[in-house]
């Protein structure tokens, strides 16, 4: 009986959550009310290892959809070269996370630190994260910005004046704990 109890405790402590419903939205327009160049993906795959507070996410770049099919084509073929660099990746840790937070519904603030790989380049990453625990789900929300030039993404001179120097990105990742 003791061995069964110990095995059960170890299984809970080694909990890893997975989802395929990670959402990312970006709007690089200087006028944030304008959604001309904005896009969203709802196909991010993510892992969350409770014991180590590690988080990883992979987003297929072709899963970003724009309001304009021509913009989507340019994004994939001319800017992100998605045939050569098909995915964006994040791997890191949640600083300030404690597994006891999962036992009680609430909202918790922490920081995510790691690295982002995009368009063949890798950059360090650090951003605030809000973790919401409610009704058997854990939702992470993170807003951060990236510079296209940091990832060797060339923006045409014709378009550049319409865009921010740093593109704001909003990520929402929800895991079912059951």
N, C-alpha and C. Protein backbone atom coordinates (compact mmCIF):
# COMPACT_ATOMS: atom_id res chain seq x y z
N UNK A 1 0.83 -1.20 0.00
CA UNK A 1 0.00 0.00 0.00
C UNK A 1 0.87 1.26 0.00
N UNK A 2 1.95 1.23 0.80
CA UNK A 2 2.86 2.36 0.88
C UNK A 2 3.47 2.66 -0.49
N UNK A 3 3.87 1.63 -1.23
CA UNK A 3 4.48 1.82 -2.55
C UNK A 3 3.50 2.46 -3.53
N UNK A 4 2.25 2.07 -3.46
CA UNK A 4 1.23 2.66 -4.33
C UNK A 4 1.07 4.15 -4.00
N UNK A 5 1.06 4.49 -2.72
CA UNK A 5 0.94 5.88 -2.30
C UNK A 5 2.14 6.70 -2.78
N UNK A 6 3.36 6.18 -2.60
CA UNK A 6 4.57 6.88 -3.04
C UNK A 6 4.56 7.06 -4.55
N UNK A 7 4.18 6.03 -5.29
CA UNK A 7 4.12 6.12 -6.75
C UNK A 7 3.12 7.19 -7.18
N UNK A 8 2.00 7.28 -6.49
CA UNK A 8 0.99 8.30 -6.80
C UNK A 8 1.50 9.70 -6.54
N UNK A 9 2.20 9.91 -5.45
CA UNK A 9 2.77 11.22 -5.13
C UNK A 9 3.82 11.60 -6.16
N UNK A 10 4.69 10.67 -6.53
CA UNK A 10 5.71 10.95 -7.53
C UNK A 10 5.09 11.29 -8.88
N UNK A 11 4.02 10.61 -9.24
CA UNK A 11 3.34 10.89 -10.51
C UNK A 11 2.77 12.30 -10.52
N UNK A 12 2.20 12.75 -9.39
CA UNK A 12 1.66 14.10 -9.30
C UNK A 12 2.79 15.12 -9.38
N UNK A 13 3.90 14.85 -8.68
CA UNK A 13 5.01 15.79 -8.68
C UNK A 13 5.70 15.90 -10.04
N UNK A 14 5.63 14.86 -10.85
CA UNK A 14 6.29 14.88 -12.15
C UNK A 14 5.31 15.28 -13.26
N UNK A 15 4.28 16.01 -12.92
CA UNK A 15 3.22 16.36 -13.85
C UNK A 15 3.72 17.22 -15.00
N UNK A 16 3.36 16.84 -16.20
CA UNK A 16 3.63 17.62 -17.40
C UNK A 16 2.32 17.84 -18.12
N UNK A 17 2.01 19.09 -18.40
CA UNK A 17 0.79 19.43 -19.12
C UNK A 17 1.14 19.75 -20.57
N UNK A 18 0.22 19.42 -21.47
CA UNK A 18 0.41 19.67 -22.89
C UNK A 18 -0.85 20.31 -23.46
N UNK A 19 -0.66 21.14 -24.48
CA UNK A 19 -1.79 21.73 -25.19
C UNK A 19 -1.41 21.95 -26.64
N UNK A 20 -2.40 21.99 -27.48
CA UNK A 20 -2.21 22.32 -28.90
C UNK A 20 -3.05 23.54 -29.27
N UNK A 21 -3.45 24.28 -28.27
CA UNK A 21 -4.33 25.42 -28.48
C UNK A 21 -3.68 26.75 -28.10
N UNK A 22 -2.35 26.84 -28.17
CA UNK A 22 -1.69 28.10 -27.86
C UNK A 22 -2.05 29.16 -28.88
N UNK A 23 -2.33 30.37 -28.40
CA UNK A 23 -2.75 31.46 -29.28
C UNK A 23 -1.73 32.58 -29.23
N UNK A 24 -1.38 33.08 -30.40
CA UNK A 24 -0.50 34.25 -30.50
C UNK A 24 -1.13 35.24 -31.45
N UNK A 25 -1.06 36.51 -31.08
CA UNK A 25 -1.58 37.59 -31.91
C UNK A 25 -0.52 38.67 -31.99
N UNK A 26 -0.30 39.22 -33.18
CA UNK A 26 0.58 40.37 -33.28
C UNK A 26 -0.02 41.43 -34.18
N UNK A 27 0.29 42.68 -33.84
CA UNK A 27 -0.14 43.82 -34.64
C UNK A 27 1.03 44.81 -34.71
N UNK A 28 1.77 44.79 -35.81
CA UNK A 28 2.94 45.65 -35.93
C UNK A 28 2.64 47.08 -36.38
N UNK A 29 1.37 47.40 -36.63
CA UNK A 29 0.99 48.72 -37.12
C UNK A 29 1.30 49.81 -36.10
N UNK A 30 1.83 50.95 -36.59
CA UNK A 30 2.07 52.09 -35.69
C UNK A 30 0.76 52.54 -35.06
N UNK A 31 -0.29 52.56 -35.86
CA UNK A 31 -1.63 52.86 -35.36
C UNK A 31 -2.23 51.52 -34.92
N UNK A 32 -2.24 51.26 -33.61
CA UNK A 32 -2.69 49.97 -33.10
C UNK A 32 -4.17 49.71 -33.36
N UNK A 33 -4.94 50.75 -33.68
CA UNK A 33 -6.33 50.57 -34.06
C UNK A 33 -6.47 49.97 -35.46
N UNK A 34 -5.42 50.11 -36.26
CA UNK A 34 -5.40 49.57 -37.61
C UNK A 34 -4.92 48.11 -37.54
N UNK A 35 -5.67 47.21 -38.11
CA UNK A 35 -5.32 45.78 -38.06
C UNK A 35 -4.81 45.28 -39.42
N UNK A 36 -4.39 46.21 -40.30
CA UNK A 36 -3.98 45.85 -41.65
C UNK A 36 -2.92 44.75 -41.69
N UNK A 37 -1.90 44.86 -40.85
CA UNK A 37 -0.81 43.89 -40.87
C UNK A 37 -0.86 42.91 -39.70
N UNK A 38 -1.94 42.88 -38.96
CA UNK A 38 -2.03 42.00 -37.80
C UNK A 38 -2.35 40.56 -38.23
N UNK A 39 -1.99 39.62 -37.37
CA UNK A 39 -2.25 38.21 -37.66
C UNK A 39 -2.38 37.43 -36.36
N UNK A 40 -3.01 36.26 -36.48
CA UNK A 40 -3.21 35.40 -35.30
C UNK A 40 -2.97 33.94 -35.68
N UNK A 41 -2.41 33.22 -34.72
CA UNK A 41 -2.28 31.77 -34.83
C UNK A 41 -2.96 31.15 -33.62
N UNK A 42 -3.68 30.08 -33.84
CA UNK A 42 -4.32 29.35 -32.74
C UNK A 42 -3.79 27.91 -32.70
N UNK A 43 -2.60 27.71 -33.26
CA UNK A 43 -2.06 26.36 -33.40
C UNK A 43 -0.74 26.14 -32.68
N UNK A 44 -0.47 26.93 -31.63
CA UNK A 44 0.75 26.74 -30.87
C UNK A 44 0.67 25.48 -30.01
N UNK A 45 1.73 24.71 -30.00
CA UNK A 45 1.84 23.52 -29.16
C UNK A 45 2.74 23.88 -27.99
N UNK A 46 2.31 23.57 -26.77
CA UNK A 46 3.09 23.95 -25.60
C UNK A 46 3.15 22.83 -24.57
N UNK A 47 4.23 22.86 -23.78
CA UNK A 47 4.44 21.94 -22.67
C UNK A 47 4.74 22.75 -21.43
N UNK A 48 4.28 22.25 -20.30
CA UNK A 48 4.54 22.88 -19.00
C UNK A 48 4.90 21.78 -18.02
N UNK A 49 6.16 21.78 -17.56
CA UNK A 49 6.63 20.81 -16.57
C UNK A 49 6.54 21.45 -15.19
N UNK A 50 5.63 20.95 -14.38
CA UNK A 50 5.36 21.55 -13.08
C UNK A 50 6.58 21.52 -12.17
N UNK A 51 7.22 20.38 -12.05
CA UNK A 51 8.32 20.21 -11.09
C UNK A 51 9.48 21.16 -11.35
N UNK A 52 9.79 21.42 -12.61
CA UNK A 52 10.94 22.27 -12.95
C UNK A 52 10.54 23.68 -13.40
N UNK A 53 9.24 23.94 -13.52
CA UNK A 53 8.70 25.22 -13.99
C UNK A 53 9.16 25.55 -15.40
N UNK A 54 9.47 24.52 -16.18
CA UNK A 54 9.89 24.72 -17.57
C UNK A 54 8.67 24.84 -18.48
N UNK A 55 8.79 25.72 -19.47
CA UNK A 55 7.73 25.91 -20.45
C UNK A 55 8.39 25.91 -21.83
N UNK A 56 7.73 25.28 -22.79
CA UNK A 56 8.21 25.28 -24.17
C UNK A 56 7.01 25.45 -25.09
N UNK A 57 7.24 26.14 -26.20
CA UNK A 57 6.17 26.34 -27.17
C UNK A 57 6.74 26.32 -28.58
N UNK A 58 5.99 25.73 -29.48
CA UNK A 58 6.34 25.68 -30.89
C UNK A 58 5.13 26.19 -31.68
N UNK A 59 5.37 27.14 -32.58
CA UNK A 59 4.30 27.72 -33.38
C UNK A 59 4.65 27.59 -34.86
N UNK A 60 3.84 26.86 -35.63
CA UNK A 60 4.06 26.81 -37.08
C UNK A 60 3.82 28.20 -37.67
N UNK A 61 4.79 28.74 -38.36
CA UNK A 61 4.67 30.09 -38.88
C UNK A 61 3.56 30.21 -39.92
N UNK A 62 3.30 29.14 -40.65
CA UNK A 62 2.21 29.19 -41.64
C UNK A 62 0.83 29.18 -40.99
N UNK A 63 0.78 29.01 -39.67
CA UNK A 63 -0.51 29.02 -38.98
C UNK A 63 -0.99 30.44 -38.68
N UNK A 64 -0.16 31.45 -38.94
CA UNK A 64 -0.59 32.84 -38.75
C UNK A 64 -1.46 33.24 -39.92
N UNK A 65 -2.64 33.74 -39.58
CA UNK A 65 -3.59 34.14 -40.63
C UNK A 65 -3.86 35.63 -40.54
N UNK A 66 -3.87 36.25 -41.71
CA UNK A 66 -4.08 37.69 -41.87
C UNK A 66 -5.47 37.92 -42.47
N UNK A 67 -5.93 39.15 -42.42
CA UNK A 67 -7.20 39.52 -43.06
C UNK A 67 -7.06 39.58 -44.57
N UNK A 68 -5.83 39.63 -45.05
CA UNK A 68 -5.55 39.80 -46.47
C UNK A 68 -4.66 38.63 -46.93
N UNK A 69 -5.12 37.87 -47.91
CA UNK A 69 -4.38 36.69 -48.39
C UNK A 69 -3.02 37.08 -48.98
N UNK A 70 -2.94 38.24 -49.63
CA UNK A 70 -1.67 38.66 -50.21
C UNK A 70 -0.64 38.96 -49.11
N UNK A 71 -1.08 39.59 -48.03
CA UNK A 71 -0.17 39.84 -46.90
C UNK A 71 0.33 38.53 -46.30
N UNK A 72 -0.56 37.57 -46.19
CA UNK A 72 -0.18 36.25 -45.66
C UNK A 72 0.87 35.60 -46.55
N UNK A 73 0.69 35.72 -47.85
CA UNK A 73 1.66 35.17 -48.80
C UNK A 73 3.02 35.87 -48.65
N UNK A 74 3.01 37.20 -48.56
CA UNK A 74 4.26 37.95 -48.38
C UNK A 74 4.93 37.57 -47.06
N UNK A 75 4.16 37.46 -46.00
CA UNK A 75 4.69 37.07 -44.68
C UNK A 75 5.43 35.74 -44.78
N UNK A 76 4.81 34.76 -45.42
CA UNK A 76 5.40 33.43 -45.52
C UNK A 76 6.57 33.35 -46.50
N UNK A 77 6.44 33.99 -47.65
CA UNK A 77 7.44 33.84 -48.70
C UNK A 77 8.56 34.87 -48.65
N UNK A 78 8.24 36.13 -48.33
CA UNK A 78 9.23 37.20 -48.44
C UNK A 78 9.85 37.65 -47.11
N UNK A 79 9.12 37.49 -46.00
CA UNK A 79 9.63 37.99 -44.72
C UNK A 79 10.13 36.87 -43.83
N UNK A 80 9.29 35.87 -43.56
CA UNK A 80 9.64 34.80 -42.63
C UNK A 80 10.22 33.57 -43.30
N UNK A 81 10.14 33.49 -44.61
CA UNK A 81 10.68 32.36 -45.37
C UNK A 81 10.31 31.04 -44.69
N UNK A 82 9.02 30.81 -44.57
CA UNK A 82 8.51 29.70 -43.76
C UNK A 82 8.82 28.32 -44.33
N UNK A 83 9.17 28.23 -45.60
CA UNK A 83 9.60 26.92 -46.12
C UNK A 83 10.95 26.54 -45.54
N UNK A 84 11.81 27.53 -45.33
CA UNK A 84 13.14 27.28 -44.75
C UNK A 84 13.11 27.28 -43.22
N UNK A 85 12.29 28.16 -42.62
CA UNK A 85 12.17 28.31 -41.17
C UNK A 85 10.70 28.12 -40.78
N UNK A 86 10.23 26.89 -40.71
CA UNK A 86 8.79 26.64 -40.55
C UNK A 86 8.20 26.96 -39.17
N UNK A 87 9.04 27.04 -38.13
CA UNK A 87 8.51 27.20 -36.78
C UNK A 87 9.21 28.29 -36.00
N UNK A 88 8.46 28.86 -35.07
CA UNK A 88 9.04 29.70 -34.03
C UNK A 88 9.03 28.85 -32.77
N UNK A 89 10.06 28.98 -31.94
CA UNK A 89 10.17 28.15 -30.74
C UNK A 89 10.52 29.02 -29.54
N UNK A 90 9.96 28.64 -28.41
CA UNK A 90 10.33 29.25 -27.14
C UNK A 90 10.62 28.14 -26.15
N UNK A 91 11.67 28.31 -25.37
CA UNK A 91 11.93 27.40 -24.26
C UNK A 91 12.48 28.22 -23.11
N UNK A 92 11.99 27.92 -21.91
CA UNK A 92 12.44 28.69 -20.76
C UNK A 92 11.83 28.19 -19.46
N UNK A 93 11.94 29.04 -18.45
CA UNK A 93 11.44 28.72 -17.12
C UNK A 93 10.57 29.85 -16.60
N UNK A 94 9.69 29.49 -15.69
CA UNK A 94 8.84 30.47 -15.02
C UNK A 94 9.51 30.83 -13.68
N UNK A 95 9.97 32.05 -13.57
CA UNK A 95 10.62 32.52 -12.36
C UNK A 95 9.53 33.06 -11.44
N UNK A 96 9.49 32.52 -10.22
CA UNK A 96 8.46 32.92 -9.27
C UNK A 96 7.31 31.94 -9.21
N UNK A 97 7.38 30.86 -9.98
CA UNK A 97 6.34 29.83 -9.96
C UNK A 97 6.60 28.86 -8.81
N UNK A 98 5.52 28.47 -8.15
CA UNK A 98 5.58 27.42 -7.14
C UNK A 98 4.38 26.50 -7.40
N UNK A 99 4.63 25.19 -7.39
CA UNK A 99 3.57 24.24 -7.74
C UNK A 99 2.37 24.33 -6.81
N UNK A 100 2.54 24.88 -5.61
CA UNK A 100 1.40 25.03 -4.70
C UNK A 100 0.37 26.01 -5.27
N UNK A 101 0.78 26.88 -6.21
CA UNK A 101 -0.14 27.83 -6.84
C UNK A 101 -1.24 27.10 -7.61
N UNK A 102 -0.96 25.90 -8.06
CA UNK A 102 -1.93 25.14 -8.86
C UNK A 102 -3.07 24.58 -8.01
N UNK A 103 -2.90 24.59 -6.70
CA UNK A 103 -3.89 24.00 -5.80
C UNK A 103 -5.05 24.94 -5.49
N UNK A 104 -4.92 26.21 -5.84
CA UNK A 104 -5.97 27.17 -5.48
C UNK A 104 -6.23 28.11 -6.64
N UNK A 105 -7.52 28.28 -6.98
CA UNK A 105 -7.88 29.23 -8.03
C UNK A 105 -7.35 30.61 -7.66
N UNK A 106 -6.81 31.30 -8.66
CA UNK A 106 -6.30 32.64 -8.43
C UNK A 106 -5.48 33.12 -9.60
N UNK A 107 -4.98 34.34 -9.46
CA UNK A 107 -4.14 34.96 -10.49
C UNK A 107 -2.77 35.22 -9.88
N UNK A 108 -1.74 34.80 -10.57
CA UNK A 108 -0.38 34.87 -10.06
C UNK A 108 0.53 35.55 -11.08
N UNK A 109 1.42 36.41 -10.60
CA UNK A 109 2.37 37.12 -11.46
C UNK A 109 3.74 36.45 -11.34
N UNK A 110 4.41 36.33 -12.45
CA UNK A 110 5.76 35.76 -12.49
C UNK A 110 6.47 36.27 -13.73
N UNK A 111 7.66 35.75 -13.97
CA UNK A 111 8.44 36.12 -15.15
C UNK A 111 8.84 34.87 -15.90
N UNK A 112 8.84 34.95 -17.21
CA UNK A 112 9.32 33.85 -18.03
C UNK A 112 10.67 34.27 -18.61
N UNK A 113 11.67 33.40 -18.44
CA UNK A 113 13.00 33.66 -18.97
C UNK A 113 13.46 32.47 -19.79
N UNK A 114 14.01 32.75 -20.97
CA UNK A 114 14.48 31.66 -21.81
C UNK A 114 15.02 32.21 -23.11
N UNK A 115 14.68 31.52 -24.22
CA UNK A 115 15.13 31.98 -25.52
C UNK A 115 14.04 31.74 -26.57
N UNK A 116 14.03 32.62 -27.55
CA UNK A 116 13.13 32.51 -28.69
C UNK A 116 13.97 32.24 -29.92
N UNK A 117 13.54 31.25 -30.70
CA UNK A 117 14.17 30.95 -31.98
C UNK A 117 13.17 31.27 -33.08
N UNK A 118 13.60 32.12 -34.01
CA UNK A 118 12.72 32.57 -35.08
C UNK A 118 13.57 32.92 -36.29
N UNK A 119 13.17 32.46 -37.45
CA UNK A 119 13.82 32.83 -38.70
C UNK A 119 15.32 32.55 -38.67
N UNK A 120 15.70 31.44 -38.03
CA UNK A 120 17.10 31.03 -38.00
C UNK A 120 17.95 31.75 -36.97
N UNK A 121 17.37 32.61 -36.17
CA UNK A 121 18.10 33.35 -35.14
C UNK A 121 17.55 32.99 -33.76
N UNK A 122 18.40 33.11 -32.76
CA UNK A 122 18.01 32.83 -31.38
C UNK A 122 18.33 34.04 -30.52
N UNK A 123 17.36 34.46 -29.71
CA UNK A 123 17.54 35.63 -28.85
C UNK A 123 17.07 35.31 -27.43
N UNK A 124 17.74 35.90 -26.42
CA UNK A 124 17.26 35.71 -25.05
C UNK A 124 15.88 36.35 -24.90
N UNK A 125 15.12 35.83 -23.97
CA UNK A 125 13.74 36.28 -23.77
C UNK A 125 13.49 36.45 -22.28
N UNK A 126 12.81 37.53 -21.94
CA UNK A 126 12.37 37.75 -20.56
C UNK A 126 11.14 38.63 -20.61
N UNK A 127 10.04 38.16 -20.00
CA UNK A 127 8.79 38.92 -20.03
C UNK A 127 7.92 38.55 -18.84
N UNK A 128 7.08 39.49 -18.40
CA UNK A 128 6.14 39.18 -17.32
C UNK A 128 5.05 38.24 -17.82
N UNK A 129 4.59 37.38 -16.92
CA UNK A 129 3.55 36.41 -17.24
C UNK A 129 2.50 36.46 -16.13
N UNK A 130 1.26 36.37 -16.53
CA UNK A 130 0.17 36.20 -15.57
C UNK A 130 -0.34 34.77 -15.71
N UNK A 131 -0.38 34.05 -14.59
CA UNK A 131 -0.92 32.69 -14.58
C UNK A 131 -2.26 32.73 -13.86
N UNK A 132 -3.28 32.23 -14.55
CA UNK A 132 -4.63 32.19 -13.98
C UNK A 132 -5.01 30.73 -13.79
N UNK A 133 -5.30 30.37 -12.55
CA UNK A 133 -5.74 29.02 -12.21
C UNK A 133 -7.22 29.11 -11.90
N UNK A 134 -8.02 28.36 -12.66
CA UNK A 134 -9.48 28.43 -12.44
C UNK A 134 -10.15 27.18 -12.97
N UNK A 135 -10.89 26.53 -12.10
CA UNK A 135 -11.75 25.42 -12.50
C UNK A 135 -11.04 24.31 -13.25
N UNK A 136 -9.85 23.94 -12.81
CA UNK A 136 -9.15 22.82 -13.45
C UNK A 136 -8.35 23.19 -14.68
N UNK A 137 -8.18 24.49 -14.94
CA UNK A 137 -7.33 24.92 -16.05
C UNK A 137 -6.29 25.91 -15.55
N UNK A 138 -5.17 25.95 -16.26
CA UNK A 138 -4.11 26.93 -16.00
C UNK A 138 -3.92 27.70 -17.29
N UNK A 139 -4.05 29.01 -17.23
CA UNK A 139 -3.87 29.85 -18.41
C UNK A 139 -2.71 30.80 -18.16
N UNK A 140 -1.77 30.81 -19.08
CA UNK A 140 -0.66 31.75 -19.04
C UNK A 140 -0.91 32.84 -20.07
N UNK A 141 -0.74 34.10 -19.65
CA UNK A 141 -0.87 35.23 -20.57
C UNK A 141 0.42 36.03 -20.51
N UNK A 142 0.93 36.33 -21.69
CA UNK A 142 2.20 37.04 -21.77
C UNK A 142 2.16 37.99 -22.95
N UNK A 143 2.55 39.23 -22.72
CA UNK A 143 2.67 40.21 -23.79
C UNK A 143 4.12 40.66 -23.84
N UNK A 144 4.68 40.65 -25.03
CA UNK A 144 6.09 41.02 -25.21
C UNK A 144 6.26 41.60 -26.60
N UNK A 145 7.44 42.10 -26.89
CA UNK A 145 7.73 42.69 -28.20
C UNK A 145 9.00 42.09 -28.77
N UNK A 146 9.06 42.04 -30.10
CA UNK A 146 10.29 41.61 -30.77
C UNK A 146 10.63 42.62 -31.87
N UNK A 147 11.92 42.69 -32.17
CA UNK A 147 12.41 43.51 -33.28
C UNK A 147 12.69 42.59 -34.45
N UNK A 148 12.14 42.91 -35.59
CA UNK A 148 12.36 42.09 -36.79
C UNK A 148 13.86 41.96 -37.09
N UNK A 149 14.60 43.03 -36.95
CA UNK A 149 16.03 43.00 -37.26
C UNK A 149 16.81 42.06 -36.34
N UNK A 150 16.33 41.84 -35.12
CA UNK A 150 17.00 40.92 -34.19
C UNK A 150 16.94 39.48 -34.69
N UNK A 151 15.98 39.21 -35.57
CA UNK A 151 15.80 37.86 -36.11
C UNK A 151 16.09 37.82 -37.61
N UNK A 152 16.84 38.80 -38.08
CA UNK A 152 17.26 38.86 -39.49
C UNK A 152 16.08 38.87 -40.45
N UNK A 153 15.01 39.55 -40.06
CA UNK A 153 13.82 39.68 -40.91
C UNK A 153 13.87 41.06 -41.56
N UNK A 154 13.96 41.08 -42.87
CA UNK A 154 14.02 42.34 -43.61
C UNK A 154 12.61 42.83 -43.94
N UNK A 155 12.35 44.07 -43.58
CA UNK A 155 11.07 44.70 -43.88
C UNK A 155 11.31 45.71 -45.01
N UNK A 156 10.54 45.66 -46.09
CA UNK A 156 10.73 46.59 -47.22
C UNK A 156 10.58 48.05 -46.80
N UNK A 157 11.37 48.90 -47.40
CA UNK A 157 11.35 50.34 -47.09
C UNK A 157 9.96 50.94 -47.30
N UNK A 158 9.19 50.43 -48.25
CA UNK A 158 7.86 50.94 -48.53
C UNK A 158 6.90 50.70 -47.37
N UNK A 159 7.06 49.58 -46.68
CA UNK A 159 6.16 49.20 -45.60
C UNK A 159 6.65 49.71 -44.24
N UNK A 160 7.94 49.79 -44.07
CA UNK A 160 8.56 50.10 -42.77
C UNK A 160 7.98 51.33 -42.07
N UNK A 161 7.68 52.44 -42.77
CA UNK A 161 7.14 53.62 -42.06
C UNK A 161 5.78 53.36 -41.40
N UNK A 162 5.06 52.36 -41.83
CA UNK A 162 3.74 52.05 -41.26
C UNK A 162 3.83 51.19 -40.01
N UNK A 163 5.03 50.62 -39.75
CA UNK A 163 5.17 49.63 -38.69
C UNK A 163 5.96 50.15 -37.50
N UNK A 164 5.67 49.58 -36.34
CA UNK A 164 6.42 49.88 -35.12
C UNK A 164 7.83 49.30 -35.22
N UNK A 165 8.76 49.88 -34.48
CA UNK A 165 10.12 49.33 -34.45
C UNK A 165 10.14 47.97 -33.75
N UNK A 166 9.27 47.80 -32.77
CA UNK A 166 9.14 46.53 -32.05
C UNK A 166 7.69 46.06 -32.16
N UNK A 167 7.51 44.82 -32.61
CA UNK A 167 6.17 44.28 -32.81
C UNK A 167 5.65 43.69 -31.50
N UNK A 168 4.51 44.20 -30.99
CA UNK A 168 3.93 43.62 -29.78
C UNK A 168 3.23 42.29 -30.10
N UNK A 169 3.46 41.33 -29.24
CA UNK A 169 2.87 40.00 -29.40
C UNK A 169 2.16 39.62 -28.12
N UNK A 170 0.96 39.09 -28.25
CA UNK A 170 0.20 38.61 -27.09
C UNK A 170 0.04 37.11 -27.22
N UNK A 171 0.46 36.39 -26.19
CA UNK A 171 0.37 34.93 -26.18
C UNK A 171 -0.56 34.49 -25.05
N UNK A 172 -1.41 33.52 -25.35
CA UNK A 172 -2.29 32.91 -24.34
C UNK A 172 -2.20 31.41 -24.51
N UNK A 173 -1.84 30.74 -23.43
CA UNK A 173 -1.68 29.28 -23.47
C UNK A 173 -2.49 28.70 -22.31
N UNK A 174 -3.40 27.79 -22.62
CA UNK A 174 -4.26 27.19 -21.60
C UNK A 174 -4.03 25.69 -21.54
N UNK A 175 -3.83 25.19 -20.32
CA UNK A 175 -3.63 23.77 -20.07
C UNK A 175 -4.77 23.26 -19.20
N UNK A 176 -5.31 22.11 -19.52
CA UNK A 176 -6.28 21.44 -18.66
C UNK A 176 -5.50 20.59 -17.67
N UNK A 177 -5.78 20.76 -16.38
CA UNK A 177 -5.02 20.05 -15.35
C UNK A 177 -5.53 18.64 -15.12
N UNK A 178 -6.67 18.31 -15.61
CA UNK A 178 -7.24 16.97 -15.34
C UNK A 178 -6.73 15.93 -16.30
